[in-house]
N, C-alpha and C. Protein backbone atom coordinates (compact mmCIF):
# COMPACT_ATOMS: atom_id res chain seq x y z
N MET A 1 -6.19 -3.25 -13.02
CA MET A 1 -7.14 -3.43 -12.32
C MET A 1 -7.26 -5.07 -12.16
N LEU A 2 -7.53 -5.56 -11.12
CA LEU A 2 -7.27 -6.96 -10.89
C LEU A 2 -8.73 -7.40 -10.25
N THR A 3 -9.20 -8.66 -10.69
CA THR A 3 -10.20 -8.97 -10.44
C THR A 3 -10.09 -10.19 -9.50
N LEU A 4 -10.48 -10.40 -8.38
CA LEU A 4 -10.41 -11.50 -7.59
C LEU A 4 -11.49 -12.40 -7.20
N GLU A 5 -11.89 -13.34 -7.65
CA GLU A 5 -12.82 -14.21 -7.20
C GLU A 5 -13.06 -14.26 -5.74
N ASP A 6 -11.85 -14.50 -5.23
CA ASP A 6 -12.16 -14.82 -3.67
C ASP A 6 -11.36 -13.61 -3.15
N ALA A 7 -12.17 -12.76 -2.45
CA ALA A 7 -12.06 -11.58 -1.88
C ALA A 7 -11.09 -11.86 -0.77
N SER A 8 -11.20 -12.76 0.10
CA SER A 8 -9.88 -13.14 0.75
C SER A 8 -8.42 -12.76 0.66
N ARG A 9 -8.58 -13.03 -0.78
CA ARG A 9 -7.05 -12.76 -1.34
C ARG A 9 -6.46 -11.41 -0.99
N LEU A 10 -7.41 -10.31 -1.00
CA LEU A 10 -7.06 -8.91 -0.75
C LEU A 10 -5.94 -8.71 0.27
N GLN A 11 -6.00 -9.29 1.12
CA GLN A 11 -4.99 -9.26 2.53
C GLN A 11 -3.63 -9.49 1.95
N ALA A 12 -3.48 -10.64 1.21
CA ALA A 12 -2.27 -10.60 0.75
C ALA A 12 -1.63 -9.79 -0.05
N LEU A 13 -2.41 -8.79 -0.96
CA LEU A 13 -2.24 -8.10 -2.18
C LEU A 13 -1.18 -6.98 -1.61
N PRO A 14 -1.27 -6.20 -0.73
CA PRO A 14 -0.07 -5.33 -0.51
C PRO A 14 0.95 -5.79 -0.07
N LEU A 15 1.20 -6.86 0.70
CA LEU A 15 2.28 -7.63 1.05
C LEU A 15 3.07 -8.21 -0.09
N LEU A 16 2.20 -8.62 -1.46
CA LEU A 16 3.02 -9.16 -2.31
C LEU A 16 3.86 -8.23 -3.23
N VAL A 17 2.76 -6.79 -3.32
CA VAL A 17 3.31 -5.67 -3.93
C VAL A 17 4.19 -5.23 -3.70
N GLY A 18 4.57 -5.18 -2.22
CA GLY A 18 5.71 -4.52 -1.78
C GLY A 18 6.97 -5.34 -1.70
N ILE A 19 6.71 -6.91 -1.51
CA ILE A 19 7.81 -7.71 -1.83
C ILE A 19 8.04 -7.65 -3.24
N GLY A 20 7.62 -7.63 -4.34
CA GLY A 20 7.71 -7.52 -5.60
C GLY A 20 8.52 -6.23 -6.07
N LEU A 21 7.97 -5.10 -5.36
CA LEU A 21 8.79 -3.80 -5.63
C LEU A 21 10.54 -3.92 -5.06
N CYS A 22 10.15 -4.11 -4.10
CA CYS A 22 11.61 -4.45 -3.36
C CYS A 22 12.51 -5.44 -3.91
N ARG A 23 12.19 -6.41 -4.40
CA ARG A 23 13.26 -7.41 -5.09
C ARG A 23 13.54 -6.98 -6.56
N ALA A 24 12.70 -6.09 -7.11
CA ALA A 24 12.70 -5.55 -8.48
C ALA A 24 13.65 -4.61 -8.15
N LEU A 25 13.80 -3.66 -6.95
CA LEU A 25 14.51 -2.28 -6.66
C LEU A 25 16.07 -2.84 -6.28
N ASP A 26 16.00 -4.12 -5.77
CA ASP A 26 17.18 -4.39 -5.17
C ASP A 26 18.58 -4.41 -6.10
N PRO A 27 18.64 -5.06 -7.58
CA PRO A 27 19.56 -4.78 -8.17
C PRO A 27 20.15 -3.49 -8.72
N TYR A 28 19.32 -2.34 -8.48
CA TYR A 28 19.65 -1.01 -8.78
C TYR A 28 20.18 -0.22 -7.52
N LEU A 29 19.88 -1.09 -6.50
CA LEU A 29 20.39 -0.12 -5.36
C LEU A 29 22.08 -0.34 -5.08
N PRO A 30 22.78 0.57 -4.09
CA PRO A 30 24.19 0.32 -3.67
C PRO A 30 24.16 -0.72 -3.20
N SER A 31 25.01 -1.84 -3.28
CA SER A 31 25.21 -2.83 -2.23
C SER A 31 25.85 -2.46 -1.24
N PRO A 32 25.61 -2.96 0.38
CA PRO A 32 24.46 -4.02 0.51
C PRO A 32 23.18 -3.35 0.97
N THR A 33 22.62 -2.46 -0.04
CA THR A 33 21.47 -1.87 0.49
C THR A 33 20.17 -2.24 -0.08
N PRO A 34 19.83 -3.48 0.83
CA PRO A 34 18.29 -4.03 0.06
C PRO A 34 17.38 -2.87 0.24
N CYS A 35 16.07 -3.05 -0.36
CA CYS A 35 15.21 -2.54 -0.17
C CYS A 35 14.21 -3.04 0.89
N ARG A 36 13.58 -2.30 2.11
CA ARG A 36 13.04 -2.81 3.12
C ARG A 36 11.48 -2.02 3.23
N LEU A 37 10.72 -3.11 3.91
CA LEU A 37 9.19 -2.20 3.93
C LEU A 37 8.89 -1.93 5.26
N LYS A 38 8.13 -0.70 5.46
CA LYS A 38 7.51 -0.03 6.61
C LYS A 38 6.11 -0.46 6.34
N TRP A 39 5.45 -0.68 7.24
CA TRP A 39 4.10 -1.13 7.39
C TRP A 39 3.19 -0.11 7.45
N PRO A 40 2.23 -0.13 6.37
CA PRO A 40 1.97 -0.86 5.50
C PRO A 40 2.15 -0.74 3.87
N ASN A 41 2.67 0.37 3.36
CA ASN A 41 3.07 0.71 2.11
C ASN A 41 4.37 1.61 1.87
N ASP A 42 5.00 1.41 2.54
CA ASP A 42 6.17 2.38 2.19
C ASP A 42 7.82 1.41 2.20
N LEU A 43 8.11 2.05 0.98
CA LEU A 43 9.53 1.18 0.51
C LEU A 43 10.73 2.36 1.28
N LEU A 44 11.69 1.71 1.74
CA LEU A 44 12.73 2.36 2.49
C LEU A 44 13.77 1.80 1.98
N VAL A 45 14.94 2.70 1.90
CA VAL A 45 16.37 2.15 1.67
C VAL A 45 17.14 2.98 2.81
N GLU A 46 18.66 2.11 3.23
CA GLU A 46 19.28 3.18 4.24
C GLU A 46 20.24 3.64 3.53
N VAL A 47 20.08 5.11 4.07
CA VAL A 47 21.17 6.12 3.47
C VAL A 47 21.83 6.50 4.72
N ALA A 48 23.15 6.41 5.05
CA ALA A 48 24.12 6.83 6.22
C ALA A 48 23.32 6.71 7.51
N GLY A 49 22.91 5.21 7.44
CA GLY A 49 22.43 4.58 8.58
C GLY A 49 20.71 4.97 9.22
N GLU A 50 20.32 5.53 8.21
CA GLU A 50 18.87 6.05 8.46
C GLU A 50 17.54 5.79 7.20
N GLY A 51 16.54 5.29 7.73
CA GLY A 51 15.69 4.65 6.65
C GLY A 51 15.13 5.85 6.07
N ARG A 52 15.05 5.83 4.71
CA ARG A 52 14.91 7.05 3.71
C ARG A 52 13.54 6.34 2.84
N LYS A 53 12.53 7.05 2.38
CA LYS A 53 11.61 6.49 1.85
C LYS A 53 11.84 6.68 0.47
N ILE A 54 11.62 5.52 -0.25
CA ILE A 54 11.90 5.74 -1.77
C ILE A 54 10.97 5.56 -2.81
N GLY A 55 9.87 5.10 -2.01
CA GLY A 55 8.72 4.68 -2.57
C GLY A 55 7.42 4.40 -1.57
N GLY A 56 6.37 4.00 -2.54
CA GLY A 56 5.22 3.88 -1.86
C GLY A 56 4.15 3.16 -2.64
N ILE A 57 3.05 2.47 -2.04
CA ILE A 57 1.99 1.53 -2.83
C ILE A 57 0.80 2.26 -2.15
N LEU A 58 -0.20 2.24 -2.94
CA LEU A 58 -1.25 2.44 -3.03
C LEU A 58 -2.54 1.74 -3.58
N ILE A 59 -3.16 1.17 -2.82
CA ILE A 59 -4.29 0.11 -3.37
C ILE A 59 -5.88 0.24 -3.21
N GLU A 60 -6.37 0.39 -3.98
CA GLU A 60 -8.15 0.69 -3.87
C GLU A 60 -8.92 -0.77 -4.22
N ALA A 61 -9.71 -1.11 -3.03
CA ALA A 61 -10.49 -2.16 -3.60
C ALA A 61 -11.67 -1.97 -3.40
N VAL A 62 -12.65 -2.60 -4.19
CA VAL A 62 -14.15 -2.64 -3.65
C VAL A 62 -14.59 -4.07 -3.99
N THR A 63 -15.48 -4.64 -2.82
CA THR A 63 -16.09 -5.77 -2.58
C THR A 63 -17.47 -5.28 -2.52
N GLN A 64 -18.20 -6.27 -3.17
CA GLN A 64 -19.46 -6.70 -3.15
C GLN A 64 -20.11 -7.88 -3.04
N ALA A 65 -20.77 -8.14 -1.87
CA ALA A 65 -21.23 -9.68 -1.76
C ALA A 65 -21.62 -10.51 -2.88
N GLY A 66 -21.32 -11.36 -3.39
CA GLY A 66 -21.58 -12.68 -4.37
C GLY A 66 -20.78 -11.71 -5.53
N MET A 67 -20.02 -10.99 -5.82
CA MET A 67 -19.26 -10.33 -6.83
C MET A 67 -17.88 -10.58 -6.29
N PRO A 68 -16.95 -10.76 -7.35
CA PRO A 68 -15.58 -10.73 -7.41
C PRO A 68 -15.45 -9.35 -6.67
N ALA A 69 -14.04 -9.53 -6.13
CA ALA A 69 -13.48 -8.29 -5.79
C ALA A 69 -12.57 -7.42 -6.61
N LEU A 70 -12.63 -6.21 -6.78
CA LEU A 70 -11.85 -5.63 -7.78
C LEU A 70 -10.43 -4.71 -6.98
N ALA A 71 -9.65 -4.62 -7.48
CA ALA A 71 -8.45 -4.03 -6.86
C ALA A 71 -7.74 -3.36 -7.87
N ILE A 72 -7.09 -2.03 -7.82
CA ILE A 72 -6.58 -1.24 -8.35
C ILE A 72 -5.21 -0.77 -7.68
N VAL A 73 -4.14 -1.35 -8.15
CA VAL A 73 -2.68 -1.39 -7.63
C VAL A 73 -1.92 -0.25 -8.19
N GLY A 74 -1.47 0.90 -7.60
CA GLY A 74 -0.77 1.83 -7.62
C GLY A 74 0.85 1.80 -7.17
N PHE A 75 1.97 2.43 -7.62
CA PHE A 75 2.78 2.13 -6.81
C PHE A 75 3.79 3.54 -7.55
N GLY A 76 4.77 4.29 -6.70
CA GLY A 76 5.40 5.13 -7.03
C GLY A 76 6.69 4.90 -6.50
N VAL A 77 8.17 5.02 -7.25
CA VAL A 77 9.31 5.05 -6.73
C VAL A 77 10.13 6.27 -7.33
N ASN A 78 10.64 6.98 -6.27
CA ASN A 78 11.46 8.00 -6.55
C ASN A 78 12.65 7.67 -7.47
N HIS A 79 12.69 8.43 -8.79
CA HIS A 79 13.49 7.73 -9.85
C HIS A 79 14.51 8.99 -9.97
N GLY A 80 14.05 10.41 -10.47
CA GLY A 80 14.99 11.28 -11.15
C GLY A 80 14.90 12.19 -10.32
N HIS A 81 14.57 12.35 -8.82
CA HIS A 81 13.83 13.57 -7.98
C HIS A 81 15.58 14.10 -7.41
N GLU A 82 15.55 15.44 -7.58
CA GLU A 82 16.79 15.82 -6.66
C GLU A 82 16.49 16.15 -5.29
N GLU A 83 17.34 16.11 -4.45
CA GLU A 83 17.26 16.38 -3.09
C GLU A 83 15.98 17.45 -2.69
N GLY A 84 15.94 18.44 -3.19
CA GLY A 84 15.14 19.63 -3.06
C GLY A 84 13.53 19.47 -3.32
N ASP A 85 13.45 18.50 -4.48
CA ASP A 85 12.22 17.69 -4.78
C ASP A 85 11.46 16.83 -3.50
N LEU A 86 12.23 16.55 -2.82
CA LEU A 86 11.80 15.34 -1.49
C LEU A 86 11.77 16.16 -0.34
N PRO A 87 10.89 15.30 0.31
CA PRO A 87 10.87 15.35 1.96
C PRO A 87 12.04 15.11 2.69
N GLU A 88 12.33 15.48 3.64
CA GLU A 88 13.54 15.28 4.31
C GLU A 88 14.15 13.85 4.66
N ALA A 89 12.75 12.88 4.98
CA ALA A 89 13.23 11.64 4.93
C ALA A 89 12.91 10.93 3.67
N GLY A 90 13.19 11.32 2.59
CA GLY A 90 13.08 10.76 1.00
C GLY A 90 14.36 10.61 0.66
N THR A 91 14.59 9.89 -0.64
CA THR A 91 15.57 9.64 -1.63
C THR A 91 15.24 9.42 -2.65
N SER A 92 15.96 9.35 -3.74
CA SER A 92 15.78 8.87 -4.98
C SER A 92 16.76 8.04 -5.83
N LEU A 93 16.67 7.23 -6.78
CA LEU A 93 17.65 6.56 -7.28
C LEU A 93 18.47 7.46 -7.93
N ARG A 94 17.99 8.77 -8.23
CA ARG A 94 19.24 9.55 -8.64
C ARG A 94 20.15 9.76 -7.75
N LEU A 95 19.45 10.26 -6.54
CA LEU A 95 20.53 10.45 -5.52
C LEU A 95 21.17 9.50 -4.80
N LEU A 96 21.09 8.19 -5.04
CA LEU A 96 21.82 7.09 -4.84
C LEU A 96 22.65 6.69 -5.88
N GLU A 97 22.74 7.28 -7.01
CA GLU A 97 23.75 7.30 -8.19
C GLU A 97 23.71 5.94 -8.87
N THR A 98 22.21 5.59 -8.99
CA THR A 98 22.25 4.05 -9.65
C THR A 98 22.41 4.24 -11.16
N GLY A 99 21.99 4.98 -11.92
CA GLY A 99 21.99 5.40 -13.35
C GLY A 99 20.90 4.41 -13.90
N VAL A 100 20.09 4.24 -13.24
CA VAL A 100 18.99 3.07 -14.19
C VAL A 100 18.10 4.10 -14.91
N GLY A 101 17.64 3.98 -16.13
CA GLY A 101 16.91 4.37 -16.74
C GLY A 101 15.41 4.25 -16.26
N LEU A 102 14.82 5.19 -16.42
CA LEU A 102 13.29 5.22 -16.16
C LEU A 102 12.22 3.79 -16.89
N GLU A 103 12.76 3.84 -18.01
CA GLU A 103 11.93 2.69 -18.85
C GLU A 103 12.49 1.38 -18.19
N GLU A 104 13.60 1.22 -18.12
CA GLU A 104 14.24 -0.24 -17.58
C GLU A 104 13.63 -0.25 -16.10
N LEU A 105 13.50 0.56 -15.70
CA LEU A 105 13.16 0.61 -14.00
C LEU A 105 11.54 -0.26 -14.05
N THR A 106 10.68 0.96 -14.83
CA THR A 106 9.43 0.73 -14.92
C THR A 106 8.96 -0.99 -15.33
N TRP A 107 9.66 -1.42 -16.00
CA TRP A 107 9.43 -2.51 -16.24
C TRP A 107 9.97 -3.73 -15.43
N ALA A 108 11.12 -3.43 -14.91
CA ALA A 108 11.41 -4.23 -13.82
C ALA A 108 10.60 -4.53 -12.67
N LEU A 109 10.11 -3.19 -12.36
CA LEU A 109 9.11 -2.88 -11.25
C LEU A 109 7.68 -3.92 -11.43
N VAL A 110 7.33 -3.67 -12.71
CA VAL A 110 6.12 -4.43 -13.15
C VAL A 110 6.27 -6.02 -13.21
N GLN A 111 7.23 -6.28 -13.68
CA GLN A 111 7.78 -7.70 -13.46
C GLN A 111 7.64 -8.08 -12.34
N GLY A 112 8.54 -7.37 -11.17
CA GLY A 112 8.63 -7.90 -9.98
C GLY A 112 7.12 -7.95 -9.40
N VAL A 113 6.21 -7.01 -9.45
CA VAL A 113 5.16 -7.35 -8.66
C VAL A 113 4.39 -8.45 -9.45
N GLU A 114 4.32 -8.74 -10.99
CA GLU A 114 3.49 -9.38 -11.46
C GLU A 114 3.84 -11.19 -11.12
N GLN A 115 5.33 -11.36 -10.69
CA GLN A 115 5.85 -12.45 -10.47
C GLN A 115 5.34 -12.70 -8.90
N GLU A 116 4.90 -11.64 -8.17
CA GLU A 116 4.56 -12.09 -6.87
C GLU A 116 3.27 -12.30 -6.63
N LEU A 117 2.39 -11.54 -7.56
CA LEU A 117 0.90 -11.93 -7.45
C LEU A 117 0.57 -13.31 -7.93
N ALA A 118 1.52 -14.12 -8.56
CA ALA A 118 1.16 -15.34 -8.82
C ALA A 118 0.92 -16.03 -7.53
N CYS A 119 1.45 -15.53 -6.25
CA CYS A 119 1.35 -16.19 -5.13
C CYS A 119 -0.02 -15.71 -4.17
N LEU A 120 -0.91 -15.18 -4.88
CA LEU A 120 -1.96 -14.44 -3.87
C LEU A 120 -2.82 -15.66 -3.20
N ALA A 121 -2.72 -16.52 -3.47
CA ALA A 121 -3.30 -17.53 -2.74
C ALA A 121 -2.65 -18.25 -1.44
N ASP A 122 -1.58 -17.80 -1.60
CA ASP A 122 -0.63 -18.33 -0.35
C ASP A 122 -0.14 -17.29 0.48
N MET A 123 -0.79 -17.09 1.42
CA MET A 123 -0.78 -15.96 2.49
C MET A 123 0.43 -16.36 3.38
N ALA A 124 0.59 -17.38 3.93
CA ALA A 124 1.63 -17.93 4.56
C ALA A 124 3.25 -17.66 3.77
N TYR A 125 3.10 -17.84 2.58
CA TYR A 125 4.40 -17.25 1.60
C TYR A 125 4.45 -15.67 1.83
N ALA A 126 3.52 -14.86 1.65
CA ALA A 126 3.07 -13.49 1.72
C ALA A 126 3.86 -12.78 2.86
N VAL A 127 3.30 -13.52 4.08
CA VAL A 127 3.32 -12.94 5.34
C VAL A 127 5.02 -13.04 5.72
N ALA A 128 5.21 -14.49 5.32
CA ALA A 128 6.83 -14.79 5.76
C ALA A 128 7.94 -13.87 4.67
N ALA A 129 7.67 -13.50 3.75
CA ALA A 129 8.36 -12.91 2.62
C ALA A 129 8.50 -11.43 3.12
N TRP A 130 7.28 -10.67 3.45
CA TRP A 130 7.24 -9.69 4.15
C TRP A 130 7.76 -9.16 5.38
N ARG A 131 7.70 -10.32 5.96
CA ARG A 131 8.45 -10.03 7.57
C ARG A 131 9.93 -10.20 7.34
N GLU A 132 10.75 -10.67 6.14
CA GLU A 132 12.16 -10.98 5.74
C GLU A 132 12.31 -9.39 5.53
N ARG A 133 11.61 -8.44 5.12
CA ARG A 133 11.89 -7.21 4.54
C ARG A 133 11.75 -6.37 5.39
N ALA A 134 10.55 -6.52 6.39
CA ALA A 134 10.14 -5.65 7.21
C ALA A 134 11.68 -4.88 8.14
N VAL A 135 11.26 -3.49 8.23
CA VAL A 135 12.24 -2.63 8.89
C VAL A 135 11.78 -2.91 10.19
N HIS A 136 10.75 -3.17 10.61
CA HIS A 136 10.22 -3.33 12.16
C HIS A 136 10.87 -4.51 12.89
N GLN A 137 11.32 -4.33 14.11
CA GLN A 137 12.01 -5.23 15.11
C GLN A 137 11.00 -5.34 16.31
N PRO A 138 10.92 -6.48 16.85
CA PRO A 138 10.08 -6.67 18.09
C PRO A 138 10.54 -5.81 19.23
N GLY A 139 9.78 -4.79 19.63
CA GLY A 139 10.44 -4.07 20.81
C GLY A 139 10.84 -2.78 20.32
N ASP A 140 10.64 -2.28 18.59
CA ASP A 140 10.62 -0.84 18.53
C ASP A 140 9.58 -0.05 18.81
N PRO A 141 9.74 1.30 19.38
CA PRO A 141 8.83 2.16 19.23
C PRO A 141 8.24 2.61 18.02
N LEU A 142 6.65 2.49 17.99
CA LEU A 142 6.27 3.04 16.58
C LEU A 142 5.01 3.90 17.17
N VAL A 143 4.66 4.63 16.31
CA VAL A 143 3.49 5.65 16.25
C VAL A 143 2.55 5.43 15.14
N CYS A 144 1.23 5.05 15.27
CA CYS A 144 0.63 4.43 14.31
C CYS A 144 -1.05 5.40 14.05
N ARG A 145 -1.08 6.07 12.85
CA ARG A 145 -2.31 6.56 12.80
C ARG A 145 -3.13 5.81 12.16
N LEU A 146 -4.19 5.38 13.11
CA LEU A 146 -5.47 5.22 12.63
C LEU A 146 -6.41 5.64 12.29
N PRO A 147 -7.81 5.43 11.56
CA PRO A 147 -8.35 6.25 11.11
C PRO A 147 -8.99 6.93 12.14
N ASP A 148 -9.35 6.75 13.31
CA ASP A 148 -10.00 7.32 14.47
C ASP A 148 -9.12 7.98 15.31
N ARG A 149 -7.92 7.53 15.48
CA ARG A 149 -6.78 8.20 16.48
C ARG A 149 -5.39 7.84 16.26
N THR A 150 -4.61 8.42 16.99
CA THR A 150 -3.21 7.92 16.84
C THR A 150 -2.87 6.96 18.18
N VAL A 151 -2.23 6.06 18.03
CA VAL A 151 -1.64 5.17 18.98
C VAL A 151 -0.10 4.97 19.19
N GLU A 152 0.46 4.68 20.23
CA GLU A 152 1.92 4.71 20.69
C GLU A 152 1.98 3.36 21.20
N GLY A 153 2.89 2.87 20.74
CA GLY A 153 2.87 1.57 21.55
C GLY A 153 4.71 0.90 21.06
N THR A 154 4.60 -0.35 21.21
CA THR A 154 6.08 -1.26 20.71
C THR A 154 5.52 -2.01 19.71
N PHE A 155 6.24 -2.25 18.49
CA PHE A 155 6.20 -3.67 17.56
C PHE A 155 6.38 -5.08 18.18
N VAL A 156 5.35 -5.84 17.95
CA VAL A 156 5.24 -7.08 18.40
C VAL A 156 5.50 -8.04 17.34
N ALA A 157 4.75 -7.98 16.20
CA ALA A 157 4.89 -8.59 14.96
C ALA A 157 3.91 -8.06 13.90
N ILE A 158 3.95 -8.85 12.81
CA ILE A 158 3.14 -8.81 11.47
C ILE A 158 2.46 -10.04 11.74
N ASP A 159 1.26 -10.42 12.17
CA ASP A 159 0.46 -11.52 12.18
C ASP A 159 0.33 -11.98 11.27
N ASP A 160 -0.19 -13.49 10.98
CA ASP A 160 -0.46 -14.62 10.17
C ASP A 160 -1.41 -13.91 8.94
N GLN A 161 -1.87 -12.81 9.22
CA GLN A 161 -2.76 -12.06 8.29
C GLN A 161 -2.42 -10.75 7.71
N GLY A 162 -1.27 -10.42 8.23
CA GLY A 162 -0.65 -9.26 7.64
C GLY A 162 -0.55 -8.10 8.27
N ARG A 163 -1.52 -8.17 9.57
CA ARG A 163 -1.92 -7.21 10.21
C ARG A 163 -0.65 -6.79 11.36
N LEU A 164 -0.56 -5.49 11.37
CA LEU A 164 0.50 -4.91 12.53
C LEU A 164 -0.06 -5.14 14.01
N VAL A 165 0.83 -5.75 14.67
CA VAL A 165 0.44 -6.49 16.04
C VAL A 165 1.25 -5.00 16.77
N LEU A 166 0.68 -4.50 17.73
CA LEU A 166 1.25 -3.35 18.32
C LEU A 166 1.00 -3.60 19.82
N ARG A 167 1.72 -3.45 20.93
CA ARG A 167 1.80 -3.20 22.28
C ARG A 167 1.27 -1.94 22.76
N SER A 168 0.23 -1.74 23.17
CA SER A 168 0.18 -0.20 23.69
C SER A 168 -0.70 -0.22 24.97
N GLY A 169 -0.39 0.37 25.99
CA GLY A 169 -1.13 0.48 27.45
C GLY A 169 -1.44 -0.89 27.54
N GLY A 170 -0.42 -1.59 27.44
CA GLY A 170 -0.45 -3.35 28.36
C GLY A 170 -1.27 -4.18 27.56
N GLU A 171 -1.66 -3.85 26.29
CA GLU A 171 -2.65 -4.91 25.67
C GLU A 171 -1.90 -4.74 24.14
N GLU A 172 -2.32 -5.81 23.58
CA GLU A 172 -2.14 -6.20 22.27
C GLU A 172 -3.13 -5.61 21.21
N MET A 173 -2.96 -4.93 20.43
CA MET A 173 -3.65 -4.57 19.21
C MET A 173 -3.39 -5.05 17.73
N ARG A 174 -4.07 -5.56 17.08
CA ARG A 174 -4.13 -5.92 15.47
C ARG A 174 -4.68 -5.20 14.57
N ILE A 175 -3.81 -4.36 13.98
CA ILE A 175 -4.06 -3.47 13.25
C ILE A 175 -4.30 -3.48 11.70
N SER A 176 -5.18 -3.75 11.10
CA SER A 176 -5.07 -3.75 9.64
C SER A 176 -5.46 -2.58 8.49
N SER A 177 -5.48 -1.47 9.30
CA SER A 177 -5.73 -0.14 8.78
C SER A 177 -4.97 0.92 9.43
N GLY A 178 -4.09 1.68 8.67
CA GLY A 178 -3.43 2.67 9.30
C GLY A 178 -2.05 2.99 8.87
N GLU A 179 -1.05 3.70 9.35
CA GLU A 179 0.02 4.15 8.79
C GLU A 179 0.79 4.48 10.18
N VAL A 180 2.29 3.96 10.00
CA VAL A 180 3.06 3.82 10.88
C VAL A 180 3.74 5.42 10.45
N ILE A 181 3.77 6.31 11.30
CA ILE A 181 4.29 7.58 11.42
C ILE A 181 5.50 7.84 12.06
N GLY A 182 6.03 6.85 13.04
CA GLY A 182 7.14 7.13 13.48
C GLY A 182 7.30 6.03 14.51
């Protein structure tokens, strides 16, 4: 659990966790296959020209006026899974034949996240580093599931607050909570 005196730093948290996990995974991935990020919380690797999910992030936060924000960060990386254990669009380190042990991987991931969390006060760094790892390119068609509806459009950018900018129906939407599903 993290305690954040400044609740505005919660915006950088998912970006930095994703960056830390990707950087920690890179040495274990077949070259030249870097870990990439799909907004807001998926870790992807390219397998046979297709992005496959290798992990994900879940962050739960509690804020209350006048109190520090609390956040619990969870993540998972597919390690020893076989093909039949995963959805069609998934992969694992075993399937990528990396040979990395679970203990070694776990420590590398934790250290990668801790290293990036040192930058929680630097939103510009978090956004720039996330953009470098993003699978999304301007003009890419996206389908985004929002809390109240599903929206189709084209990817514009990740804005300076880490929100997804989607052009849909001739207007730009800034989305802070949702899931890219296609």
